[in-house]
């Protein structure tokens, strides 16, 4: 299909640029080297997702607590309101 408007040509150029960027990005390169497609890559995480599904966020907080120590430091780099960090403030 031949573009009929200048915007269409520009969109096709950006679309190709995005595709080229993804083909050379770290994730895409690693997938290609491993012989995996994106679906196969993400399906590896299905067990983790299933474990967190019914008991989330309690299961995640319990797992973090196993690594945290009293008097230690915790850095919450999320963009939320501290829903995970606040329960960890007073680790027994």
Protein backbone atom coordinates (compact mmCIF):
# COMPACT_ATOMS: atom_id res chain seq x y z
CA UNK A 1 0.00 0.00 0.00
CA UNK A 2 1.38 3.34 -1.01
CA UNK A 3 0.91 6.22 1.51
CA UNK A 4 -1.36 8.95 0.20
CA UNK A 5 -0.52 11.65 2.76
CA UNK A 6 2.71 13.04 4.18
CA UNK A 7 1.65 11.96 7.69
CA UNK A 8 1.35 8.37 6.49
CA UNK A 9 4.90 8.40 5.15
CA UNK A 10 6.14 9.90 8.41
CA UNK A 11 4.24 7.28 10.44
CA UNK A 12 5.72 4.48 8.38
CA UNK A 13 9.21 5.93 8.95
CA UNK A 14 8.66 6.08 12.73
CA UNK A 15 7.17 2.60 12.73
CA UNK A 16 10.26 1.23 10.98
CA UNK A 17 12.54 3.15 13.37
CA UNK A 18 10.70 1.63 16.36
CA UNK A 19 10.95 -1.86 14.88
CA UNK A 20 14.68 -1.37 14.20
CA UNK A 21 15.24 -0.11 17.76
CA UNK A 22 13.47 -3.14 19.26
CA UNK A 23 15.47 -5.49 17.06
CA UNK A 24 18.66 -4.09 18.60
CA UNK A 25 17.47 -3.53 22.16
CA UNK A 26 18.83 -5.66 24.98
CA UNK A 27 15.68 -7.77 25.45
CA UNK A 28 15.16 -8.37 21.76
CA UNK A 29 18.83 -9.23 21.20
CA UNK A 30 18.87 -11.63 24.13
CA UNK A 31 15.69 -13.33 22.93
CA UNK A 32 17.12 -13.76 19.46
CA UNK A 33 20.37 -15.23 20.83
CA UNK A 34 18.42 -17.65 23.03
CA UNK A 35 16.10 -18.60 20.17
CA UNK A 36 13.01 -17.46 22.10
CA UNK A 37 10.07 -15.34 21.10
CA UNK A 38 8.52 -12.89 23.56
CA UNK A 39 5.66 -15.23 24.46
CA UNK A 40 8.07 -18.02 25.44
CA UNK A 41 10.13 -15.56 27.48
CA UNK A 42 7.18 -14.26 29.49
CA UNK A 43 5.63 -17.70 29.96
CA UNK A 44 8.63 -18.54 32.17
CA UNK A 45 7.17 -16.16 34.73
CA UNK A 46 3.77 -17.82 34.85
CA UNK A 47 4.63 -19.81 38.01
CA UNK A 48 5.62 -16.59 39.81
CA UNK A 49 2.46 -14.85 38.63
CA UNK A 50 0.33 -17.78 39.80
CA UNK A 51 2.02 -17.75 43.23
CA UNK A 52 1.33 -14.04 43.66
CA UNK A 53 -2.20 -14.02 42.21
CA UNK A 54 -4.36 -15.00 45.20
CA UNK A 55 -2.12 -13.84 48.00
CA UNK A 56 -0.65 -10.66 46.62
CA UNK A 57 0.74 -8.43 48.18
CA UNK A 58 1.10 -10.44 51.40
CA UNK A 59 3.17 -13.16 49.70
CA UNK A 60 5.52 -10.57 48.24
CA UNK A 61 5.94 -8.80 51.57
CA UNK A 62 6.70 -12.08 53.34
CA UNK A 63 9.34 -12.87 50.76
CA UNK A 64 10.97 -9.47 51.17
CA UNK A 65 10.91 -9.88 54.96
CA UNK A 66 13.08 -12.99 54.64
CA UNK A 67 15.86 -10.80 53.22
CA UNK A 68 15.36 -7.77 55.46
CA UNK A 69 17.11 -7.45 58.79
CA UNK A 70 16.16 -5.38 61.85
CA UNK A 71 17.90 -2.04 61.68
CA UNK A 72 18.71 -2.57 58.00
CA UNK A 73 17.90 -0.25 55.13
CA UNK A 74 15.21 -0.62 52.53
CA UNK A 75 14.98 1.28 49.28
CA UNK A 76 11.53 1.37 47.69
CA UNK A 77 11.98 2.46 44.07
CA UNK A 78 8.34 2.06 43.11
CA UNK A 79 6.22 4.91 41.87
CA UNK A 80 3.34 4.29 44.24
CA UNK A 81 2.34 5.54 47.67
CA UNK A 82 4.51 3.14 49.68
CA UNK A 83 2.01 0.29 49.95
CA UNK A 84 4.93 -2.15 50.16
CA UNK A 85 7.45 0.00 52.00
CA UNK A 86 5.25 1.08 54.92
CA UNK A 87 4.46 -2.48 56.14
CA UNK A 88 8.22 -3.11 56.23
CA UNK A 89 9.11 -0.08 58.35
CA UNK A 90 8.98 -1.96 61.68
CA UNK A 91 10.32 -5.40 60.84
CA UNK A 92 10.20 -7.52 63.98
